[in-house]
Full PDB file with SEQRES, HELIX, SHEET, SSBOND, CRYST1, ORIGX, SCALE, CONECT and MASTER records, all heavy atoms in Angstrom:
SEQRES   1 A   30  HIS GLN GLU GLY THR GLU VAL ILE SER ASP GLU LYS ILE          
SEQRES   2 A   30  LYS GLU TYR GLU ASP LYS PHE LEU ALA THR ILE ASN ASP          
SEQRES   3 A   30  ASP LEU ASN MET                                              
HELIX    1 AA1 ASP A   10  ILE A   24  1                                  15    
CRYST1    1.000    1.000    1.000  90.00  90.00  90.00 P 1           1          
ORIGX1      1.000000  0.000000  0.000000        0.00000                         
ORIGX2      0.000000  1.000000  0.000000        0.00000                         
ORIGX3      0.000000  0.000000  1.000000        0.00000                         
SCALE1      1.000000  0.000000  0.000000        0.00000                         
SCALE2      0.000000  1.000000  0.000000        0.00000                         
SCALE3      0.000000  0.000000  1.000000        0.00000                         
ATOM      1  N   HIS A   1    -117.313 -65.878  91.713  1.00  0.00           N  
ATOM      2  CA  HIS A   1    -116.887 -67.255  91.431  1.00  0.00           C  
ATOM      3  C   HIS A   1    -115.462 -67.495  91.937  1.00  0.00           C  
ATOM      4  O   HIS A   1    -115.150 -68.586  92.420  1.00  0.00           O  
ATOM      5  CB  HIS A   1    -116.969 -67.542  89.928  1.00  0.00           C  
ATOM      6  CG  HIS A   1    -118.343 -67.894  89.460  1.00  0.00           C  
ATOM      7  ND1 HIS A   1    -119.086 -68.921  90.015  1.00  0.00           N  
ATOM      8  CD2 HIS A   1    -119.125 -67.362  88.478  1.00  0.00           C  
ATOM      9  CE1 HIS A   1    -120.255 -69.012  89.398  1.00  0.00           C  
ATOM     10  NE2 HIS A   1    -120.316 -68.082  88.465  1.00  0.00           N  
ATOM     11  N   GLN A   2    -114.616 -66.477  91.842  1.00  0.00           N  
ATOM     12  CA  GLN A   2    -113.245 -66.630  92.344  1.00  0.00           C  
ATOM     13  C   GLN A   2    -113.225 -66.923  93.838  1.00  0.00           C  
ATOM     14  O   GLN A   2    -112.329 -67.604  94.335  1.00  0.00           O  
ATOM     15  CB  GLN A   2    -112.437 -65.358  92.070  1.00  0.00           C  
ATOM     16  CG  GLN A   2    -111.666 -65.379  90.770  1.00  0.00           C  
ATOM     17  CD  GLN A   2    -110.576 -64.337  90.721  1.00  0.00           C  
ATOM     18  OE1 GLN A   2    -110.673 -63.282  91.357  1.00  0.00           O  
ATOM     19  NE2 GLN A   2    -109.520 -64.606  89.969  1.00  0.00           N  
ATOM     20  N   GLU A   3    -114.219 -66.391  94.536  1.00  0.00           N  
ATOM     21  CA  GLU A   3    -114.299 -66.573  95.987  1.00  0.00           C  
ATOM     22  C   GLU A   3    -115.154 -67.783  96.367  1.00  0.00           C  
ATOM     23  O   GLU A   3    -115.300 -68.096  97.549  1.00  0.00           O  
ATOM     24  CB  GLU A   3    -114.887 -65.306  96.622  1.00  0.00           C  
ATOM     25  CG  GLU A   3    -114.005 -64.071  96.447  1.00  0.00           C  
ATOM     26  CD  GLU A   3    -114.755 -62.775  96.690  1.00  0.00           C  
ATOM     27  OE1 GLU A   3    -115.964 -62.859  97.019  1.00  0.00           O  
ATOM     28  OE2 GLU A   3    -114.154 -61.692  96.544  1.00  0.00           O  
ATOM     29  N   GLY A   4    -115.732 -68.453  95.365  1.00  0.00           N  
ATOM     30  CA  GLY A   4    -116.655 -69.558  95.621  1.00  0.00           C  
ATOM     31  C   GLY A   4    -115.973 -70.805  96.146  1.00  0.00           C  
ATOM     32  O   GLY A   4    -114.763 -70.997  95.992  1.00  0.00           O  
ATOM     33  N   THR A   5    -116.788 -71.668  96.755  1.00  0.00           N  
ATOM     34  CA  THR A   5    -116.254 -72.906  97.355  1.00  0.00           C  
ATOM     35  C   THR A   5    -116.919 -74.165  96.798  1.00  0.00           C  
ATOM     36  O   THR A   5    -116.538 -75.281  97.159  1.00  0.00           O  
ATOM     37  CB  THR A   5    -116.456 -72.871  98.877  1.00  0.00           C  
ATOM     38  OG1 THR A   5    -117.849 -72.692  99.158  1.00  0.00           O  
ATOM     39  CG2 THR A   5    -115.643 -71.743  99.503  1.00  0.00           C  
ATOM     40  N   GLU A   6    -117.931 -73.985  95.931  1.00  0.00           N  
ATOM     41  CA  GLU A   6    -118.643 -75.140  95.375  1.00  0.00           C  
ATOM     42  C   GLU A   6    -117.717 -75.950  94.460  1.00  0.00           C  
ATOM     43  O   GLU A   6    -116.820 -75.399  93.807  1.00  0.00           O  
ATOM     44  CB  GLU A   6    -119.868 -74.695  94.583  1.00  0.00           C  
ATOM     45  CG  GLU A   6    -120.907 -73.946  95.400  1.00  0.00           C  
ATOM     46  CD  GLU A   6    -121.758 -74.890  96.242  1.00  0.00           C  
ATOM     47  OE1 GLU A   6    -121.657 -76.120  96.042  1.00  0.00           O  
ATOM     48  OE2 GLU A   6    -122.524 -74.396  97.082  1.00  0.00           O  
ATOM     49  N   VAL A   7    -117.960 -77.257  94.415  1.00  0.00           N  
ATOM     50  CA  VAL A   7    -117.199 -78.137  93.527  1.00  0.00           C  
ATOM     51  C   VAL A   7    -118.096 -78.530  92.358  1.00  0.00           C  
ATOM     52  O   VAL A   7    -119.196 -79.042  92.548  1.00  0.00           O  
ATOM     53  CB  VAL A   7    -116.709 -79.402  94.267  1.00  0.00           C  
ATOM     54  CG1 VAL A   7    -115.979 -80.322  93.300  1.00  0.00           C  
ATOM     55  CG2 VAL A   7    -115.801 -79.003  95.428  1.00  0.00           C  
ATOM     56  N   ILE A   8    -117.624 -78.262  91.140  1.00  0.00           N  
ATOM     57  CA  ILE A   8    -118.392 -78.539  89.921  1.00  0.00           C  
ATOM     58  C   ILE A   8    -117.806 -79.776  89.250  1.00  0.00           C  
ATOM     59  O   ILE A   8    -116.583 -79.957  89.206  1.00  0.00           O  
ATOM     60  CB  ILE A   8    -118.346 -77.346  88.949  1.00  0.00           C  
ATOM     61  CG1 ILE A   8    -118.693 -76.041  89.671  1.00  0.00           C  
ATOM     62  CG2 ILE A   8    -119.281 -77.567  87.759  1.00  0.00           C  
ATOM     63  CD1 ILE A   8    -120.066 -76.018  90.307  1.00  0.00           C  
ATOM     64  N   SER A   9    -118.663 -80.622  88.728  1.00  0.00           N  
ATOM     65  CA  SER A   9    -118.192 -81.855  88.089  1.00  0.00           C  
ATOM     66  C   SER A   9    -117.414 -81.546  86.814  1.00  0.00           C  
ATOM     67  O   SER A   9    -117.685 -80.549  86.125  1.00  0.00           O  
ATOM     68  CB  SER A   9    -119.373 -82.762  87.748  1.00  0.00           C  
ATOM     69  OG  SER A   9    -120.159 -82.202  86.713  1.00  0.00           O  
ATOM     70  N   ASP A  10    -116.471 -82.421  86.496  1.00  0.00           N  
ATOM     71  CA  ASP A  10    -115.697 -82.267  85.264  1.00  0.00           C  
ATOM     72  C   ASP A  10    -116.615 -82.322  84.038  1.00  0.00           C  
ATOM     73  O   ASP A  10    -116.356 -81.648  83.031  1.00  0.00           O  
ATOM     74  CB  ASP A  10    -114.636 -83.367  85.158  1.00  0.00           C  
ATOM     75  CG  ASP A  10    -113.542 -83.208  86.212  1.00  0.00           C  
ATOM     76  OD1 ASP A  10    -113.425 -82.093  86.770  1.00  0.00           O  
ATOM     77  OD2 ASP A  10    -112.815 -84.182  86.473  1.00  0.00           O  
ATOM     78  N   GLU A  11    -117.682 -83.126  84.147  1.00  0.00           N  
ATOM     79  CA  GLU A  11    -118.624 -83.263  83.026  1.00  0.00           C  
ATOM     80  C   GLU A  11    -119.311 -81.931  82.729  1.00  0.00           C  
ATOM     81  O   GLU A  11    -119.507 -81.569  81.555  1.00  0.00           O  
ATOM     82  CB  GLU A  11    -119.675 -84.332  83.336  1.00  0.00           C  
ATOM     83  CG  GLU A  11    -119.162 -85.766  83.358  1.00  0.00           C  
ATOM     84  CD  GLU A  11    -118.399 -86.108  84.627  1.00  0.00           C  
ATOM     85  OE1 GLU A  11    -118.502 -85.331  85.622  1.00  0.00           O  
ATOM     86  OE2 GLU A  11    -117.693 -87.147  84.638  1.00  0.00           O  
ATOM     87  N   LYS A  12    -119.683 -81.206  83.790  1.00  0.00           N  
ATOM     88  CA  LYS A  12    -120.355 -79.922  83.612  1.00  0.00           C  
ATOM     89  C   LYS A  12    -119.417 -78.899  82.982  1.00  0.00           C  
ATOM     90  O   LYS A  12    -119.820 -78.151  82.079  1.00  0.00           O  
ATOM     91  CB  LYS A  12    -120.855 -79.400  84.968  1.00  0.00           C  
ATOM     92  CG  LYS A  12    -121.721 -78.151  84.886  1.00  0.00           C  
ATOM     93  CD  LYS A  12    -123.007 -78.412  84.130  1.00  0.00           C  
ATOM     94  CE  LYS A  12    -123.901 -77.199  84.084  1.00  0.00           C  
ATOM     95  NZ  LYS A  12    -125.107 -77.420  83.267  1.00  0.00           N  
ATOM     96  N   ILE A  13    -118.179 -78.856  83.445  1.00  0.00           N  
ATOM     97  CA  ILE A  13    -117.183 -77.941  82.867  1.00  0.00           C  
ATOM     98  C   ILE A  13    -116.960 -78.272  81.395  1.00  0.00           C  
ATOM     99  O   ILE A  13    -116.929 -77.372  80.541  1.00  0.00           O  
ATOM    100  CB  ILE A  13    -115.851 -78.021  83.636  1.00  0.00           C  
ATOM    101  CG1 ILE A  13    -116.024 -77.572  85.096  1.00  0.00           C  
ATOM    102  CG2 ILE A  13    -114.775 -77.192  82.936  1.00  0.00           C  
ATOM    103  CD1 ILE A  13    -116.423 -76.120  85.263  1.00  0.00           C  
ATOM    104  N   LYS A  14    -116.849 -79.569  81.099  1.00  0.00           N  
ATOM    105  CA  LYS A  14    -116.634 -80.007  79.708  1.00  0.00           C  
ATOM    106  C   LYS A  14    -117.826 -79.629  78.834  1.00  0.00           C  
ATOM    107  O   LYS A  14    -117.668 -79.222  77.664  1.00  0.00           O  
ATOM    108  CB  LYS A  14    -116.421 -81.524  79.680  1.00  0.00           C  
ATOM    109  CG  LYS A  14    -116.162 -82.108  78.300  1.00  0.00           C  
ATOM    110  CD  LYS A  14    -114.790 -81.731  77.778  1.00  0.00           C  
ATOM    111  CE  LYS A  14    -114.355 -82.611  76.612  1.00  0.00           C  
ATOM    112  NZ  LYS A  14    -115.273 -82.646  75.481  1.00  0.00           N  
ATOM    113  N   GLU A  15    -119.006 -79.715  79.384  1.00  0.00           N  
ATOM    114  CA  GLU A  15    -120.223 -79.359  78.637  1.00  0.00           C  
ATOM    115  C   GLU A  15    -120.187 -77.879  78.236  1.00  0.00           C  
ATOM    116  O   GLU A  15    -120.490 -77.534  77.086  1.00  0.00           O  
ATOM    117  CB  GLU A  15    -121.461 -79.641  79.494  1.00  0.00           C  
ATOM    118  CG  GLU A  15    -122.779 -79.328  78.795  1.00  0.00           C  
ATOM    119  CD  GLU A  15    -123.968 -79.513  79.728  1.00  0.00           C  
ATOM    120  OE1 GLU A  15    -123.855 -80.278  80.716  1.00  0.00           O  
ATOM    121  OE2 GLU A  15    -125.006 -78.869  79.476  1.00  0.00           O  
ATOM    122  N   TYR A  16    -119.808 -77.037  79.186  1.00  0.00           N  
ATOM    123  CA  TYR A  16    -119.700 -75.607  78.889  1.00  0.00           C  
ATOM    124  C   TYR A  16    -118.588 -75.340  77.868  1.00  0.00           C  
ATOM    125  O   TYR A  16    -118.742 -74.515  76.955  1.00  0.00           O  
ATOM    126  CB  TYR A  16    -119.420 -74.804  80.160  1.00  0.00           C  
ATOM    127  CG  TYR A  16    -120.663 -74.451  80.935  1.00  0.00           C  
ATOM    128  CD1 TYR A  16    -120.777 -74.751  82.300  1.00  0.00           C  
ATOM    129  CD2 TYR A  16    -121.727 -73.786  80.330  1.00  0.00           C  
ATOM    130  CE1 TYR A  16    -121.918 -74.408  83.018  1.00  0.00           C  
ATOM    131  CE2 TYR A  16    -122.870 -73.445  81.043  1.00  0.00           C  
ATOM    132  CZ  TYR A  16    -122.959 -73.754  82.383  1.00  0.00           C  
ATOM    133  OH  TYR A  16    -124.085 -73.416  83.091  1.00  0.00           O  
ATOM    134  N   GLU A  17    -117.460 -76.009  78.021  1.00  0.00           N  
ATOM    135  CA  GLU A  17    -116.344 -75.830  77.082  1.00  0.00           C  
ATOM    136  C   GLU A  17    -116.752 -76.193  75.662  1.00  0.00           C  
ATOM    137  O   GLU A  17    -116.446 -75.461  74.703  1.00  0.00           O  
ATOM    138  CB  GLU A  17    -115.144 -76.694  77.512  1.00  0.00           C  
ATOM    139  CG  GLU A  17    -114.382 -76.144  78.694  1.00  0.00           C  
ATOM    140  CD  GLU A  17    -113.208 -77.021  79.082  1.00  0.00           C  
ATOM    141  OE1 GLU A  17    -113.279 -78.247  78.874  1.00  0.00           O  
ATOM    142  OE2 GLU A  17    -112.211 -76.477  79.600  1.00  0.00           O  
ATOM    143  N   ASP A  18    -117.456 -77.301  75.524  1.00  0.00           N  
ATOM    144  CA  ASP A  18    -117.876 -77.762  74.197  1.00  0.00           C  
ATOM    145  C   ASP A  18    -118.895 -76.804  73.568  1.00  0.00           C  
ATOM    146  O   ASP A  18    -118.826 -76.514  72.365  1.00  0.00           O  
ATOM    147  CB  ASP A  18    -118.481 -79.169  74.277  1.00  0.00           C  
ATOM    148  CG  ASP A  18    -117.430 -80.232  74.585  1.00  0.00           C  
ATOM    149  OD1 ASP A  18    -116.226 -79.925  74.471  1.00  0.00           O  
ATOM    150  OD2 ASP A  18    -117.815 -81.360  74.956  1.00  0.00           O  
ATOM    151  N   LYS A  19    -119.831 -76.310  74.394  1.00  0.00           N  
ATOM    152  CA  LYS A  19    -120.833 -75.369  73.888  1.00  0.00           C  
ATOM    153  C   LYS A  19    -120.177 -74.069  73.429  1.00  0.00           C  
ATOM    154  O   LYS A  19    -120.517 -73.514  72.378  1.00  0.00           O  
ATOM    155  CB  LYS A  19    -121.878 -75.072  74.969  1.00  0.00           C  
ATOM    156  CG  LYS A  19    -122.910 -76.165  75.164  1.00  0.00           C  
ATOM    157  CD  LYS A  19    -123.746 -75.938  76.409  1.00  0.00           C  
ATOM    158  CE  LYS A  19    -124.610 -74.694  76.316  1.00  0.00           C  
ATOM    159  NZ  LYS A  19    -125.456 -74.523  77.529  1.00  0.00           N  
ATOM    160  N   PHE A  20    -119.229 -73.572  74.213  1.00  0.00           N  
ATOM    161  CA  PHE A  20    -118.544 -72.329  73.876  1.00  0.00           C  
ATOM    162  C   PHE A  20    -117.749 -72.486  72.588  1.00  0.00           C  
ATOM    163  O   PHE A  20    -117.818 -71.627  71.682  1.00  0.00           O  
ATOM    164  CB  PHE A  20    -117.620 -71.916  75.027  1.00  0.00           C  
ATOM    165  CG  PHE A  20    -116.964 -70.579  74.835  1.00  0.00           C  
ATOM    166  CD1 PHE A  20    -117.644 -69.399  75.100  1.00  0.00           C  
ATOM    167  CD2 PHE A  20    -115.641 -70.490  74.399  1.00  0.00           C  
ATOM    168  CE1 PHE A  20    -117.039 -68.159  74.935  1.00  0.00           C  
ATOM    169  CE2 PHE A  20    -115.030 -69.256  74.230  1.00  0.00           C  
ATOM    170  CZ  PHE A  20    -115.733 -68.088  74.499  1.00  0.00           C  
ATOM    171  N   LEU A  21    -117.017 -73.589  72.466  1.00  0.00           N  
ATOM    172  CA  LEU A  21    -116.216 -73.837  71.264  1.00  0.00           C  
ATOM    173  C   LEU A  21    -117.112 -73.946  70.032  1.00  0.00           C  
ATOM    174  O   LEU A  21    -116.787 -73.423  68.967  1.00  0.00           O  
ATOM    175  CB  LEU A  21    -115.383 -75.112  71.434  1.00  0.00           C  
ATOM    176  CG  LEU A  21    -114.423 -75.461  70.281  1.00  0.00           C  
ATOM    177  CD1 LEU A  21    -113.394 -74.358  70.086  1.00  0.00           C  
ATOM    178  CD2 LEU A  21    -113.741 -76.794  70.530  1.00  0.00           C  
ATOM    179  N   ALA A  22    -118.247 -74.618  70.184  1.00  0.00           N  
ATOM    180  CA  ALA A  22    -119.167 -74.782  69.054  1.00  0.00           C  
ATOM    181  C   ALA A  22    -119.702 -73.440  68.570  1.00  0.00           C  
ATOM    182  O   ALA A  22    -119.831 -73.212  67.360  1.00  0.00           O  
ATOM    183  CB  ALA A  22    -120.326 -75.697  69.448  1.00  0.00           C  
ATOM    184  N   THR A  23    -119.977 -72.533  69.499  1.00  0.00           N  
ATOM    185  CA  THR A  23    -120.536 -71.233  69.094  1.00  0.00           C  
ATOM    186  C   THR A  23    -119.486 -70.342  68.443  1.00  0.00           C  
ATOM    187  O   THR A  23    -119.760 -69.719  67.410  1.00  0.00           O  
ATOM    188  CB  THR A  23    -121.169 -70.489  70.289  1.00  0.00           C  
ATOM    189  OG1 THR A  23    -120.196 -70.328  71.321  1.00  0.00           O  
ATOM    190  CG2 THR A  23    -122.369 -71.231  70.828  1.00  0.00           C  
ATOM    191  N   ILE A  24    -118.289 -70.270  69.013  1.00  0.00           N  
ATOM    192  CA  ILE A  24    -117.278 -69.397  68.410  1.00  0.00           C  
ATOM    193  C   ILE A  24    -116.802 -69.952  67.075  1.00  0.00           C  
ATOM    194  O   ILE A  24    -116.423 -69.183  66.177  1.00  0.00           O  
ATOM    195  CB  ILE A  24    -116.075 -69.152  69.353  1.00  0.00           C  
ATOM    196  CG1 ILE A  24    -115.342 -70.448  69.687  1.00  0.00           C  
ATOM    197  CG2 ILE A  24    -116.525 -68.418  70.611  1.00  0.00           C  
ATOM    198  CD1 ILE A  24    -114.055 -70.254  70.486  1.00  0.00           C  
ATOM    199  N   ASN A  25    -116.825 -71.278  66.919  1.00  0.00           N  
ATOM    200  CA  ASN A  25    -116.408 -71.892  65.655  1.00  0.00           C  
ATOM    201  C   ASN A  25    -117.494 -71.825  64.597  1.00  0.00           C  
ATOM    202  O   ASN A  25    -117.254 -72.158  63.435  1.00  0.00           O  
ATOM    203  CB  ASN A  25    -115.985 -73.344  65.872  1.00  0.00           C  
ATOM    204  CG  ASN A  25    -114.594 -73.454  66.482  1.00  0.00           C  
ATOM    205  OD1 ASN A  25    -113.997 -72.444  66.857  1.00  0.00           O  
ATOM    206  ND2 ASN A  25    -114.069 -74.662  66.568  1.00  0.00           N  
ATOM    207  N   ASP A  26    -118.686 -71.403  64.980  1.00  0.00           N  
ATOM    208  CA  ASP A  26    -119.774 -71.222  64.025  1.00  0.00           C  
ATOM    209  C   ASP A  26    -119.760 -69.772  63.538  1.00  0.00           C  
ATOM    210  O   ASP A  26    -120.577 -68.948  63.927  1.00  0.00           O  
ATOM    211  CB  ASP A  26    -121.117 -71.556  64.677  1.00  0.00           C  
ATOM    212  CG  ASP A  26    -122.284 -71.417  63.708  1.00  0.00           C  
ATOM    213  OD1 ASP A  26    -122.048 -71.355  62.483  1.00  0.00           O  
ATOM    214  OD2 ASP A  26    -123.431 -71.356  64.174  1.00  0.00           O  
ATOM    215  N   ASP A  27    -118.765 -69.455  62.717  1.00  0.00           N  
ATOM    216  CA  ASP A  27    -118.630 -68.128  62.115  1.00  0.00           C  
ATOM    217  C   ASP A  27    -118.616 -67.020  63.163  1.00  0.00           C  
ATOM    218  O   ASP A  27    -119.289 -66.000  63.028  1.00  0.00           O  
ATOM    219  CB  ASP A  27    -119.757 -67.891  61.093  1.00  0.00           C  
ATOM    220  CG  ASP A  27    -119.457 -66.733  60.148  1.00  0.00           C  
ATOM    221  OD1 ASP A  27    -118.272 -66.459  59.907  1.00  0.00           O  
ATOM    222  OD2 ASP A  27    -120.421 -66.109  59.666  1.00  0.00           O  
ATOM    223  N   LEU A  28    -117.854 -67.247  64.247  1.00  0.00           N  
ATOM    224  CA  LEU A  28    -117.663 -66.253  65.304  1.00  0.00           C  
ATOM    225  C   LEU A  28    -118.987 -65.766  65.882  1.00  0.00           C  
ATOM    226  O   LEU A  28    -119.269 -64.557  65.939  1.00  0.00           O  
ATOM    227  CB  LEU A  28    -116.871 -65.044  64.779  1.00  0.00           C  
ATOM    228  CG  LEU A  28    -115.618 -65.300  63.938  1.00  0.00           C  
ATOM    229  CD1 LEU A  28    -114.962 -63.976  63.547  1.00  0.00           C  
ATOM    230  CD2 LEU A  28    -114.626 -66.173  64.678  1.00  0.00           C  
ATOM    231  N   ASN A  29    -119.795 -66.690  66.346  1.00  0.00           N  
ATOM    232  CA  ASN A  29    -121.116 -66.322  66.895  1.00  0.00           C  
ATOM    233  C   ASN A  29    -120.955 -65.806  68.327  1.00  0.00           C  
ATOM    234  O   ASN A  29    -121.239 -66.500  69.300  1.00  0.00           O  
ATOM    235  CB  ASN A  29    -122.059 -67.523  66.862  1.00  0.00           C  
ATOM    236  CG  ASN A  29    -123.494 -67.136  67.173  1.00  0.00           C  
ATOM    237  OD1 ASN A  29    -123.762 -66.048  67.669  1.00  0.00           O  
ATOM    238  ND2 ASN A  29    -124.415 -68.037  66.884  1.00  0.00           N  
ATOM    239  N   MET A  30    -120.536 -64.568  68.444  1.00  0.00           N  
ATOM    240  CA  MET A  30    -120.241 -64.000  69.754  1.00  0.00           C  
ATOM    241  C   MET A  30    -121.486 -63.737  70.611  1.00  0.00           C  
ATOM    242  O   MET A  30    -121.419 -63.870  71.841  1.00  0.00           O  
ATOM    243  CB  MET A  30    -119.412 -62.729  69.609  1.00  0.00           C  
ATOM    244  CG  MET A  30    -118.027 -62.971  69.009  1.00  0.00           C  
ATOM    245  SD  MET A  30    -117.095 -64.250  69.876  1.00  0.00           S  
ATOM    246  CE  MET A  30    -116.781 -63.433  71.432  1.00  0.00           C  
TER     247      MET A  30                                                      
MASTER        0    0    0    1    0    0    0    6  246    1    0    3          
END                                                                             
């Protein structure tokens, strides 16, 4: 991914951020 050239939408990044935050905030669901 560090070497990647694709452009990802801000909406997609935000979707992943929200999902990750929801899981870790749910009693540390690692």
